[in-house]
Amino acid sequence: MNRRRAFTLIELMIAITIVAVLTMASYAPYNYYQNKAKLKVTSREISQVIYESRNMAINGAVWSSSNVSIWVYFDTSTLWNNTIQVFSYPYNILDNNINHLETVDTKLLKTLTLKKWIQIDSIDSNNNFLFYFEAITWDIKYFRWWGSPMIPINITLPDSESIDIDFSYKWSSSPNLNKSISYFTLTNIIDY
């Protein structure tokens, strides 16, 4: 008499259910840590863009025969909230001629697109913000736009103040999926 040993249908269903539950239980933490890692990478990318821009203004751009000022533009509007743009300006441009769009005098140097589902929520409690690194004098100015038509407003900050850049994963209200980095104006150091 040949007796075959095998799983019954019920035993097989129980085994599949256990494997499915374990898979689902391990996926949630993996997804959470993956999203936190995206925020961490974004912190480094934003810091790097600001540092590179400041260094280009101080040291001069290799591709340019003259000194250029560099600006880094953040915007939380739905169209731009996952990009950071870096432009060059002539070093002697007047404050009221500063624009946050590409013109004849300005050149788009770089656009940083943030990771998928990461967006900028606010920059020092503003909807838009511009870091302006001036060539030759090495001054740093800060602007935001207000009104219609959009007018650049120079923001004067005390030396001890920091500029906070807030961003999150899918506009999350969870503190674990929100991140803020601080740019200290006196020391030009970014804390993340």
N, C-alpha and C. Protein backbone atom coordinates (compact mmCIF):
# COMPACT_ATOMS: atom_id res chain seq x y z
N MET A 1 0.84 -1.16 0.00
CA MET A 1 0.00 0.00 0.00
C MET A 1 0.90 1.24 0.00
N ASN A 2 0.72 2.09 -1.00
CA ASN A 2 1.46 3.34 -1.13
C ASN A 2 0.72 4.46 -0.42
N ARG A 3 1.36 5.01 0.61
CA ARG A 3 0.75 6.15 1.29
C ARG A 3 1.56 7.38 0.93
N ARG A 4 0.89 8.34 0.40
CA ARG A 4 1.57 9.59 0.07
C ARG A 4 1.37 10.57 1.22
N ARG A 5 2.43 11.22 1.53
CA ARG A 5 2.35 12.22 2.59
C ARG A 5 2.33 13.58 1.92
N ALA A 6 1.35 14.41 2.28
CA ALA A 6 1.21 15.73 1.69
C ALA A 6 0.46 16.64 2.66
N PHE A 7 0.49 17.94 2.34
CA PHE A 7 -0.26 18.89 3.14
C PHE A 7 -1.73 18.82 2.76
N THR A 8 -2.54 19.02 3.74
CA THR A 8 -3.97 19.15 3.43
C THR A 8 -4.21 20.57 2.97
N LEU A 9 -5.36 20.78 2.40
CA LEU A 9 -5.70 22.11 1.91
C LEU A 9 -5.74 23.13 3.04
N ILE A 10 -6.23 22.75 4.17
CA ILE A 10 -6.32 23.66 5.32
C ILE A 10 -4.92 24.02 5.81
N GLU A 11 -4.03 23.06 5.91
CA GLU A 11 -2.67 23.35 6.34
C GLU A 11 -1.97 24.30 5.35
N LEU A 12 -2.19 24.09 4.08
CA LEU A 12 -1.61 24.96 3.06
C LEU A 12 -2.16 26.38 3.17
N MET A 13 -3.46 26.54 3.41
CA MET A 13 -4.07 27.87 3.56
C MET A 13 -3.52 28.59 4.80
N ILE A 14 -3.31 27.84 5.87
CA ILE A 14 -2.77 28.45 7.09
C ILE A 14 -1.33 28.91 6.85
N ALA A 15 -0.54 28.12 6.19
CA ALA A 15 0.85 28.50 5.89
C ALA A 15 0.91 29.74 5.01
N ILE A 16 0.06 29.80 3.99
CA ILE A 16 0.03 30.98 3.11
C ILE A 16 -0.41 32.21 3.87
N THR A 17 -1.38 32.07 4.76
CA THR A 17 -1.85 33.21 5.57
C THR A 17 -0.74 33.72 6.48
N ILE A 18 -0.01 32.83 7.10
CA ILE A 18 1.09 33.23 7.99
C ILE A 18 2.16 33.98 7.20
N VAL A 19 2.53 33.47 6.04
CA VAL A 19 3.53 34.14 5.21
C VAL A 19 3.03 35.51 4.77
N ALA A 20 1.76 35.64 4.40
CA ALA A 20 1.20 36.93 3.98
C ALA A 20 1.21 37.93 5.12
N VAL A 21 0.84 37.50 6.32
CA VAL A 21 0.84 38.41 7.49
C VAL A 21 2.25 38.87 7.80
N LEU A 22 3.21 37.96 7.79
CA LEU A 22 4.60 38.35 8.05
C LEU A 22 5.13 39.30 6.99
N THR A 23 4.78 39.08 5.74
CA THR A 23 5.21 39.97 4.66
C THR A 23 4.62 41.36 4.84
N MET A 24 3.35 41.45 5.16
CA MET A 24 2.71 42.76 5.36
C MET A 24 3.27 43.46 6.58
N ALA A 25 3.58 42.69 7.64
CA ALA A 25 4.12 43.30 8.85
C ALA A 25 5.52 43.85 8.62
N SER A 26 6.29 43.23 7.75
CA SER A 26 7.65 43.73 7.50
C SER A 26 7.66 44.84 6.46
N TYR A 27 6.64 44.93 5.60
CA TYR A 27 6.61 45.96 4.57
C TYR A 27 6.40 47.35 5.16
N ALA A 28 5.52 47.48 6.14
CA ALA A 28 5.23 48.80 6.72
C ALA A 28 6.47 49.47 7.30
N PRO A 29 7.26 48.80 8.15
CA PRO A 29 8.48 49.45 8.63
C PRO A 29 9.48 49.74 7.52
N TYR A 30 9.60 48.85 6.56
CA TYR A 30 10.53 49.07 5.45
C TYR A 30 10.15 50.33 4.68
N ASN A 31 8.87 50.49 4.38
CA ASN A 31 8.38 51.66 3.66
C ASN A 31 8.61 52.93 4.47
N TYR A 32 8.36 52.87 5.77
CA TYR A 32 8.56 54.02 6.64
C TYR A 32 10.03 54.46 6.63
N TYR A 33 10.94 53.52 6.80
CA TYR A 33 12.37 53.86 6.82
C TYR A 33 12.87 54.31 5.44
N GLN A 34 12.27 53.80 4.41
CA GLN A 34 12.62 54.24 3.06
C GLN A 34 12.23 55.71 2.87
N ASN A 35 11.06 56.10 3.36
CA ASN A 35 10.61 57.49 3.24
C ASN A 35 11.45 58.41 4.11
N LYS A 36 11.85 57.95 5.30
CA LYS A 36 12.74 58.76 6.14
C LYS A 36 14.09 58.96 5.46
N ALA A 37 14.56 57.93 4.77
CA ALA A 37 15.84 58.04 4.07
C ALA A 37 15.75 59.06 2.93
N LYS A 38 14.60 59.13 2.26
CA LYS A 38 14.42 60.14 1.21
C LYS A 38 14.53 61.54 1.79
N LEU A 39 13.99 61.76 2.99
CA LEU A 39 14.10 63.07 3.63
C LEU A 39 15.55 63.39 3.98
N LYS A 40 16.28 62.41 4.43
CA LYS A 40 17.68 62.61 4.78
C LYS A 40 18.51 62.96 3.55
N VAL A 41 18.27 62.24 2.46
CA VAL A 41 18.98 62.52 1.21
C VAL A 41 18.65 63.93 0.72
N THR A 42 17.39 64.32 0.84
CA THR A 42 16.97 65.67 0.43
C THR A 42 17.69 66.73 1.24
N SER A 43 17.87 66.50 2.54
CA SER A 43 18.62 67.46 3.39
C SER A 43 20.01 67.68 2.83
N ARG A 44 20.67 66.60 2.46
CA ARG A 44 22.03 66.71 1.93
C ARG A 44 22.04 67.42 0.57
N GLU A 45 21.06 67.11 -0.27
CA GLU A 45 21.01 67.74 -1.59
C GLU A 45 20.80 69.25 -1.48
N ILE A 46 19.88 69.68 -0.61
CA ILE A 46 19.63 71.11 -0.44
C ILE A 46 20.88 71.80 0.11
N SER A 47 21.51 71.19 1.10
CA SER A 47 22.74 71.77 1.66
C SER A 47 23.82 71.89 0.60
N GLN A 48 23.97 70.87 -0.22
CA GLN A 48 24.99 70.88 -1.25
C GLN A 48 24.73 71.97 -2.27
N VAL A 49 23.48 72.17 -2.67
CA VAL A 49 23.16 73.22 -3.65
C VAL A 49 23.50 74.59 -3.08
N ILE A 50 23.18 74.83 -1.83
CA ILE A 50 23.48 76.13 -1.21
C ILE A 50 24.99 76.35 -1.11
N TYR A 51 25.72 75.33 -0.66
CA TYR A 51 27.18 75.46 -0.55
C TYR A 51 27.83 75.65 -1.92
N GLU A 52 27.41 74.88 -2.92
CA GLU A 52 27.99 75.02 -4.26
C GLU A 52 27.73 76.42 -4.82
N SER A 53 26.54 76.93 -4.61
CA SER A 53 26.19 78.26 -5.13
C SER A 53 27.04 79.34 -4.48
N ARG A 54 27.21 79.25 -3.17
CA ARG A 54 28.03 80.23 -2.47
C ARG A 54 29.48 80.16 -2.97
N ASN A 55 29.99 78.96 -3.15
CA ASN A 55 31.37 78.80 -3.62
C ASN A 55 31.55 79.32 -5.04
N MET A 56 30.54 79.13 -5.90
CA MET A 56 30.63 79.67 -7.27
C MET A 56 30.69 81.19 -7.25
N ALA A 57 29.91 81.81 -6.36
CA ALA A 57 29.93 83.28 -6.28
C ALA A 57 31.26 83.78 -5.74
N ILE A 58 31.81 83.08 -4.76
CA ILE A 58 33.07 83.51 -4.15
C ILE A 58 34.26 83.25 -5.07
N ASN A 59 34.34 82.06 -5.63
CA ASN A 59 35.50 81.66 -6.41
C ASN A 59 35.39 81.98 -7.89
N GLY A 60 34.21 82.37 -8.33
CA GLY A 60 34.01 82.62 -9.75
C GLY A 60 33.68 81.34 -10.47
N ALA A 61 32.88 81.48 -11.47
CA ALA A 61 32.48 80.31 -12.25
C ALA A 61 33.53 80.02 -13.31
N VAL A 62 33.88 78.79 -13.47
CA VAL A 62 34.91 78.39 -14.43
C VAL A 62 34.49 78.71 -15.86
N TRP A 63 33.21 78.58 -16.15
CA TRP A 63 32.71 78.74 -17.52
C TRP A 63 32.48 80.20 -17.89
N SER A 64 32.68 81.13 -16.96
CA SER A 64 32.38 82.53 -17.24
C SER A 64 33.66 83.36 -17.23
N SER A 65 33.75 84.33 -18.12
CA SER A 65 34.93 85.19 -18.17
C SER A 65 34.83 86.35 -17.18
N SER A 66 33.64 86.56 -16.61
CA SER A 66 33.47 87.65 -15.65
C SER A 66 32.86 87.10 -14.37
N ASN A 67 32.90 87.92 -13.34
CA ASN A 67 32.32 87.51 -12.07
C ASN A 67 30.81 87.52 -12.16
N VAL A 68 30.20 86.50 -11.61
CA VAL A 68 28.74 86.43 -11.61
C VAL A 68 28.27 86.16 -10.19
N SER A 69 27.12 86.72 -9.87
CA SER A 69 26.48 86.43 -8.61
C SER A 69 25.55 85.23 -8.84
N ILE A 70 25.33 84.48 -7.79
CA ILE A 70 24.54 83.26 -7.89
C ILE A 70 23.35 83.38 -6.96
N TRP A 71 22.21 82.93 -7.43
CA TRP A 71 21.07 82.85 -6.53
C TRP A 71 20.46 81.48 -6.56
N VAL A 72 19.89 81.11 -5.41
CA VAL A 72 19.20 79.83 -5.24
C VAL A 72 17.76 80.15 -4.92
N TYR A 73 16.85 79.67 -5.74
CA TYR A 73 15.44 80.02 -5.60
C TYR A 73 14.60 78.83 -5.17
N PHE A 74 13.86 79.01 -4.08
CA PHE A 74 12.92 78.02 -3.56
C PHE A 74 11.51 78.57 -3.75
N ASP A 75 10.59 77.71 -4.13
CA ASP A 75 9.19 78.14 -4.29
C ASP A 75 8.29 76.99 -3.87
N THR A 76 7.27 77.29 -3.05
CA THR A 76 6.38 76.24 -2.56
C THR A 76 5.10 76.14 -3.36
N SER A 77 5.01 76.85 -4.47
CA SER A 77 3.81 76.73 -5.29
C SER A 77 3.72 75.32 -5.85
N THR A 78 2.53 74.90 -6.21
CA THR A 78 2.35 73.52 -6.66
C THR A 78 3.16 73.21 -7.91
N LEU A 79 3.46 74.22 -8.70
CA LEU A 79 4.24 74.00 -9.92
C LEU A 79 5.71 73.72 -9.62
N TRP A 80 6.26 74.40 -8.59
CA TRP A 80 7.70 74.35 -8.34
C TRP A 80 8.09 73.71 -7.02
N ASN A 81 7.15 73.15 -6.25
CA ASN A 81 7.47 72.78 -4.88
C ASN A 81 8.41 71.58 -4.73
N ASN A 82 8.81 70.97 -5.80
CA ASN A 82 9.80 69.90 -5.68
C ASN A 82 11.07 70.21 -6.48
N THR A 83 11.27 71.48 -6.82
CA THR A 83 12.50 71.86 -7.52
C THR A 83 13.15 73.06 -6.84
N ILE A 84 14.46 73.12 -6.98
CA ILE A 84 15.26 74.26 -6.52
C ILE A 84 16.07 74.71 -7.72
N GLN A 85 16.01 75.99 -8.03
CA GLN A 85 16.69 76.50 -9.21
C GLN A 85 17.88 77.36 -8.81
N VAL A 86 18.96 77.21 -9.57
CA VAL A 86 20.18 78.00 -9.36
C VAL A 86 20.43 78.80 -10.63
N PHE A 87 20.53 80.13 -10.49
CA PHE A 87 20.76 81.03 -11.61
C PHE A 87 22.00 81.87 -11.38
N SER A 88 22.54 82.41 -12.44
CA SER A 88 23.64 83.36 -12.33
C SER A 88 23.15 84.74 -12.76
N TYR A 89 23.70 85.76 -12.11
CA TYR A 89 23.39 87.15 -12.40
C TYR A 89 24.69 87.91 -12.65
N PRO A 90 24.62 89.02 -13.38
CA PRO A 90 25.80 89.91 -13.41
C PRO A 90 26.07 90.41 -11.99
N TYR A 91 27.33 90.56 -11.63
CA TYR A 91 27.66 90.89 -10.23
C TYR A 91 27.14 92.26 -9.81
N ASN A 92 26.89 93.16 -10.75
CA ASN A 92 26.51 94.53 -10.40
C ASN A 92 25.00 94.80 -10.57
N ILE A 93 24.18 93.80 -10.54
CA ILE A 93 22.74 93.99 -10.73
C ILE A 93 22.15 94.69 -9.51
N LEU A 94 21.16 95.53 -9.74
CA LEU A 94 20.49 96.25 -8.66
C LEU A 94 19.42 95.36 -8.04
N ASP A 95 19.15 95.58 -6.75
CA ASP A 95 18.19 94.75 -6.03
C ASP A 95 16.82 94.71 -6.69
N ASN A 96 16.37 95.86 -7.19
CA ASN A 96 15.01 95.89 -7.77
C ASN A 96 14.95 95.22 -9.15
N ASN A 97 16.10 94.86 -9.72
CA ASN A 97 16.12 94.15 -11.00
C ASN A 97 16.21 92.63 -10.83
N ILE A 98 16.31 92.19 -9.58
CA ILE A 98 16.40 90.75 -9.34
C ILE A 98 15.07 90.11 -9.67
N ASN A 99 15.15 89.05 -10.43
CA ASN A 99 13.95 88.36 -10.90
C ASN A 99 14.13 86.88 -10.61
N HIS A 100 13.05 86.17 -10.46
CA HIS A 100 13.16 84.74 -10.21
C HIS A 100 12.84 83.92 -11.47
N LEU A 101 13.06 84.53 -12.62
CA LEU A 101 12.87 83.85 -13.90
C LEU A 101 14.10 84.06 -14.77
N GLU A 102 14.30 83.20 -15.75
CA GLU A 102 15.44 83.33 -16.65
C GLU A 102 15.19 84.50 -17.60
N THR A 103 16.18 85.38 -17.74
CA THR A 103 16.10 86.54 -18.64
C THR A 103 17.37 86.57 -19.49
N VAL A 104 17.54 87.69 -20.20
CA VAL A 104 18.74 87.86 -21.02
C VAL A 104 19.99 87.89 -20.15
N ASP A 105 19.90 88.56 -18.98
CA ASP A 105 21.05 88.69 -18.09
C ASP A 105 21.28 87.47 -17.20
N THR A 106 20.26 86.69 -17.00
CA THR A 106 20.39 85.55 -16.10
C THR A 106 20.44 84.24 -16.87
N LYS A 107 21.15 83.29 -16.29
CA LYS A 107 21.28 81.98 -16.93
C LYS A 107 20.95 80.91 -15.89
N LEU A 108 20.14 79.96 -16.31
CA LEU A 108 19.82 78.83 -15.45
C LEU A 108 21.03 77.90 -15.42
N LEU A 109 21.60 77.70 -14.24
CA LEU A 109 22.78 76.85 -14.11
C LEU A 109 22.40 75.42 -13.73
N LYS A 110 21.39 75.31 -12.88
CA LYS A 110 21.08 73.99 -12.35
C LYS A 110 19.66 73.98 -11.82
N THR A 111 18.98 72.88 -12.01
CA THR A 111 17.68 72.66 -11.39
C THR A 111 17.76 71.35 -10.62
N LEU A 112 17.56 71.44 -9.32
CA LEU A 112 17.56 70.25 -8.48
C LEU A 112 16.11 69.80 -8.31
N THR A 113 15.81 68.61 -8.77
CA THR A 113 14.48 68.03 -8.59
C THR A 113 14.56 67.08 -7.40
N LEU A 114 13.72 67.32 -6.41
CA LEU A 114 13.75 66.51 -5.20
C LEU A 114 13.19 65.11 -5.47
N LYS A 115 13.43 64.21 -4.55
CA LYS A 115 12.95 62.85 -4.68
C LYS A 115 11.43 62.82 -4.82
N LYS A 116 10.92 61.76 -5.40
CA LYS A 116 9.49 61.62 -5.61
C LYS A 116 8.74 61.72 -4.27
N TRP A 117 7.70 62.49 -4.25
CA TRP A 117 6.80 62.73 -3.12
C TRP A 117 7.40 63.63 -2.04
N ILE A 118 8.58 64.17 -2.24
CA ILE A 118 9.14 65.14 -1.30
C ILE A 118 8.86 66.53 -1.83
N GLN A 119 8.33 67.40 -0.98
CA GLN A 119 8.07 68.76 -1.42
C GLN A 119 8.45 69.75 -0.31
N ILE A 120 8.78 70.96 -0.75
CA ILE A 120 9.15 72.03 0.17
C ILE A 120 7.86 72.64 0.70
N ASP A 121 7.76 72.73 2.02
CA ASP A 121 6.57 73.29 2.65
C ASP A 121 6.68 74.79 2.87
N SER A 122 7.82 75.24 3.40
CA SER A 122 8.03 76.68 3.61
C SER A 122 9.51 76.96 3.76
N ILE A 123 9.87 78.20 3.48
CA ILE A 123 11.24 78.66 3.64
C ILE A 123 11.18 79.88 4.55
N ASP A 124 11.60 79.69 5.79
CA ASP A 124 11.53 80.75 6.79
C ASP A 124 10.12 81.34 6.86
N SER A 125 9.12 80.49 6.84
CA SER A 125 7.69 80.85 6.89
C SER A 125 7.24 81.65 5.69
N ASN A 126 7.93 81.55 4.58
CA ASN A 126 7.55 82.22 3.34
C ASN A 126 7.21 81.17 2.28
N ASN A 127 6.44 81.61 1.28
CA ASN A 127 6.10 80.72 0.17
C ASN A 127 7.21 80.63 -0.86
N ASN A 128 8.02 81.68 -0.96
CA ASN A 128 9.15 81.66 -1.88
C ASN A 128 10.32 82.36 -1.23
N PHE A 129 11.50 82.04 -1.66
CA PHE A 129 12.69 82.60 -1.01
C PHE A 129 13.85 82.51 -1.97
N LEU A 130 14.72 83.51 -1.91
CA LEU A 130 15.88 83.54 -2.77
C LEU A 130 17.12 83.84 -1.95
N PHE A 131 18.10 82.96 -2.02
CA PHE A 131 19.42 83.21 -1.46
C PHE A 131 20.23 83.87 -2.57
N TYR A 132 20.73 85.06 -2.32
CA TYR A 132 21.49 85.79 -3.33
C TYR A 132 22.94 85.93 -2.85
N PHE A 133 23.85 85.19 -3.49
CA PHE A 133 25.27 85.22 -3.14
C PHE A 133 25.96 86.15 -4.12
N GLU A 134 26.38 87.30 -3.63
CA GLU A 134 26.93 88.34 -4.49
C GLU A 134 28.42 88.12 -4.73
N ALA A 135 28.81 88.19 -5.98
CA ALA A 135 30.23 88.04 -6.33
C ALA A 135 30.98 89.29 -5.90
N ILE A 136 32.27 89.19 -5.80
CA ILE A 136 33.23 90.24 -5.46
C ILE A 136 33.10 90.65 -4.00
N THR A 137 31.93 91.14 -3.56
CA THR A 137 31.77 91.59 -2.17
C THR A 137 31.52 90.42 -1.22
N TRP A 138 31.07 89.28 -1.75
CA TRP A 138 30.74 88.08 -0.99
C TRP A 138 29.58 88.29 -0.04
N ASP A 139 28.79 89.33 -0.27
CA ASP A 139 27.61 89.57 0.56
C ASP A 139 26.54 88.53 0.24
N ILE A 140 25.71 88.26 1.23
CA ILE A 140 24.58 87.38 1.02
C ILE A 140 23.32 88.18 1.32
N LYS A 141 22.40 88.17 0.36
CA LYS A 141 21.13 88.86 0.55
C LYS A 141 20.01 87.84 0.42
N TYR A 142 18.88 88.18 1.00
CA TYR A 142 17.74 87.28 1.00
C TYR A 142 16.52 88.04 0.49
N PHE A 143 15.77 87.40 -0.40
CA PHE A 143 14.61 88.04 -1.00
C PHE A 143 13.43 87.10 -0.95
N ARG A 144 12.25 87.70 -0.97
CA ARG A 144 11.01 86.97 -1.21
C ARG A 144 10.15 87.84 -2.11
N TRP A 145 9.16 87.25 -2.74
CA TRP A 145 8.31 88.00 -3.65
C TRP A 145 6.93 88.18 -3.05
N TRP A 146 6.36 89.35 -3.29
CA TRP A 146 5.07 89.67 -2.70
C TRP A 146 4.23 90.48 -3.67
N GLY A 147 2.95 90.27 -3.66
CA GLY A 147 2.01 91.11 -4.40
C GLY A 147 1.88 90.72 -5.85
N SER A 148 1.09 91.53 -6.53
CA SER A 148 0.88 91.32 -7.96
C SER A 148 1.02 92.67 -8.65
N PRO A 149 1.98 92.94 -9.49
CA PRO A 149 3.01 92.00 -9.94
C PRO A 149 3.98 91.66 -8.82
N MET A 150 4.65 90.54 -8.96
CA MET A 150 5.57 90.07 -7.92
C MET A 150 6.75 91.02 -7.79
N ILE A 151 6.90 91.58 -6.59
CA ILE A 151 7.95 92.55 -6.32
C ILE A 151 8.96 91.91 -5.36
N PRO A 152 10.26 91.97 -5.67
CA PRO A 152 11.24 91.40 -4.73
C PRO A 152 11.35 92.26 -3.48
N ILE A 153 11.31 91.63 -2.33
CA ILE A 153 11.44 92.32 -1.05
C ILE A 153 12.71 91.80 -0.39
N ASN A 154 13.64 92.71 -0.12
CA ASN A 154 14.88 92.35 0.54
C ASN A 154 14.59 92.11 2.02
N ILE A 155 14.98 90.97 2.52
CA ILE A 155 14.75 90.62 3.92
C ILE A 155 16.05 90.85 4.68
N THR A 156 15.99 91.67 5.72
CA THR A 156 17.15 91.92 6.55
C THR A 156 17.06 91.01 7.77
N LEU A 157 18.08 90.21 7.96
CA LEU A 157 18.09 89.27 9.08
C LEU A 157 19.23 89.62 10.02
N PRO A 158 19.01 89.46 11.33
CA PRO A 158 20.13 89.63 12.26
C PRO A 158 21.17 88.55 12.00
N ASP A 159 22.42 88.83 12.33
CA ASP A 159 23.50 87.87 12.07
C ASP A 159 23.30 86.55 12.80
N SER A 160 22.64 86.60 13.94
CA SER A 160 22.49 85.38 14.73
C SER A 160 21.32 84.52 14.28
N GLU A 161 20.55 85.01 13.33
CA GLU A 161 19.34 84.30 12.93
C GLU A 161 19.64 83.19 11.92
N SER A 162 18.72 82.26 11.89
CA SER A 162 18.84 81.18 10.91
C SER A 162 17.61 81.18 10.01
N ILE A 163 17.78 80.62 8.83
CA ILE A 163 16.69 80.48 7.88
C ILE A 163 16.32 79.00 7.87
N ASP A 164 15.05 78.71 8.15
CA ASP A 164 14.60 77.33 8.22
C ASP A 164 13.93 76.93 6.92
N ILE A 165 14.35 75.80 6.38
CA ILE A 165 13.75 75.24 5.17
C ILE A 165 13.02 73.98 5.60
N ASP A 166 11.69 74.00 5.48
CA ASP A 166 10.86 72.87 5.91
C ASP A 166 10.38 72.10 4.70
N PHE A 167 10.49 70.79 4.76
CA PHE A 167 9.99 69.94 3.69
C PHE A 167 9.45 68.65 4.30
N SER A 168 8.65 67.94 3.53
CA SER A 168 7.99 66.76 4.07
C SER A 168 7.76 65.73 2.98
N TYR A 169 7.34 64.56 3.43
CA TYR A 169 6.96 63.49 2.52
C TYR A 169 5.45 63.52 2.37
N LYS A 170 4.95 63.78 1.17
CA LYS A 170 3.52 63.82 0.85
C LYS A 170 2.73 64.72 1.80
N TRP A 171 3.25 65.88 2.14
CA TRP A 171 2.59 66.84 3.03
C TRP A 171 2.17 66.18 4.34
N SER A 172 2.99 65.30 4.83
CA SER A 172 2.67 64.55 6.04
C SER A 172 2.64 65.47 7.25
N SER A 173 1.71 65.19 8.17
CA SER A 173 1.66 65.94 9.42
C SER A 173 2.43 65.21 10.52
N SER A 174 2.89 64.02 10.23
CA SER A 174 3.68 63.26 11.19
C SER A 174 5.05 63.91 11.36
N PRO A 175 5.48 64.12 12.60
CA PRO A 175 6.81 64.72 12.78
C PRO A 175 7.95 63.85 12.25
N ASN A 176 7.70 62.55 12.12
CA ASN A 176 8.73 61.67 11.61
C ASN A 176 8.92 61.79 10.10
N LEU A 177 7.92 62.29 9.39
CA LEU A 177 8.03 62.44 7.94
C LEU A 177 8.09 63.91 7.53
N ASN A 178 8.47 64.76 8.47
CA ASN A 178 8.75 66.18 8.23
C ASN A 178 10.20 66.42 8.59
N LYS A 179 10.84 67.32 7.88
CA LYS A 179 12.24 67.63 8.16
C LYS A 179 12.45 69.12 8.01
N SER A 180 13.33 69.65 8.81
CA SER A 180 13.68 71.06 8.73
C SER A 180 15.19 71.18 8.82
N ILE A 181 15.76 71.99 7.92
CA ILE A 181 17.18 72.28 8.02
C ILE A 181 17.32 73.78 8.25
N SER A 182 18.36 74.16 8.94
CA SER A 182 18.58 75.56 9.29
C SER A 182 19.87 76.06 8.67
N TYR A 183 19.77 77.20 8.00
CA TYR A 183 20.94 77.86 7.42
C TYR A 183 21.27 79.05 8.33
N PHE A 184 22.42 79.01 8.97
CA PHE A 184 22.82 80.07 9.89
C PHE A 184 23.53 81.16 9.11
N THR A 185 22.97 82.36 9.15
CA THR A 185 23.42 83.45 8.29
C THR A 185 24.81 83.96 8.65
N LEU A 186 25.17 83.92 9.92
CA LEU A 186 26.47 84.45 10.33
C LEU A 186 27.62 83.53 9.92
N THR A 187 27.42 82.25 10.08
CA THR A 187 28.51 81.30 9.83
C THR A 187 28.42 80.58 8.50
N ASN A 188 27.30 80.73 7.79
CA ASN A 188 27.06 80.03 6.53
C ASN A 188 27.15 78.51 6.71
N ILE A 189 26.63 78.04 7.83
CA ILE A 189 26.61 76.61 8.11
C ILE A 189 25.17 76.13 8.06
N ILE A 190 24.99 74.94 7.53
CA ILE A 190 23.64 74.35 7.46
C ILE A 190 23.57 73.20 8.43
N ASP A 191 22.57 73.24 9.28
CA ASP A 191 22.37 72.19 10.28
C ASP A 191 21.20 71.33 9.86
N TYR A 192 21.44 70.07 9.64
CA TYR A 192 20.36 69.14 9.34
C TYR A 192 20.52 67.93 10.19
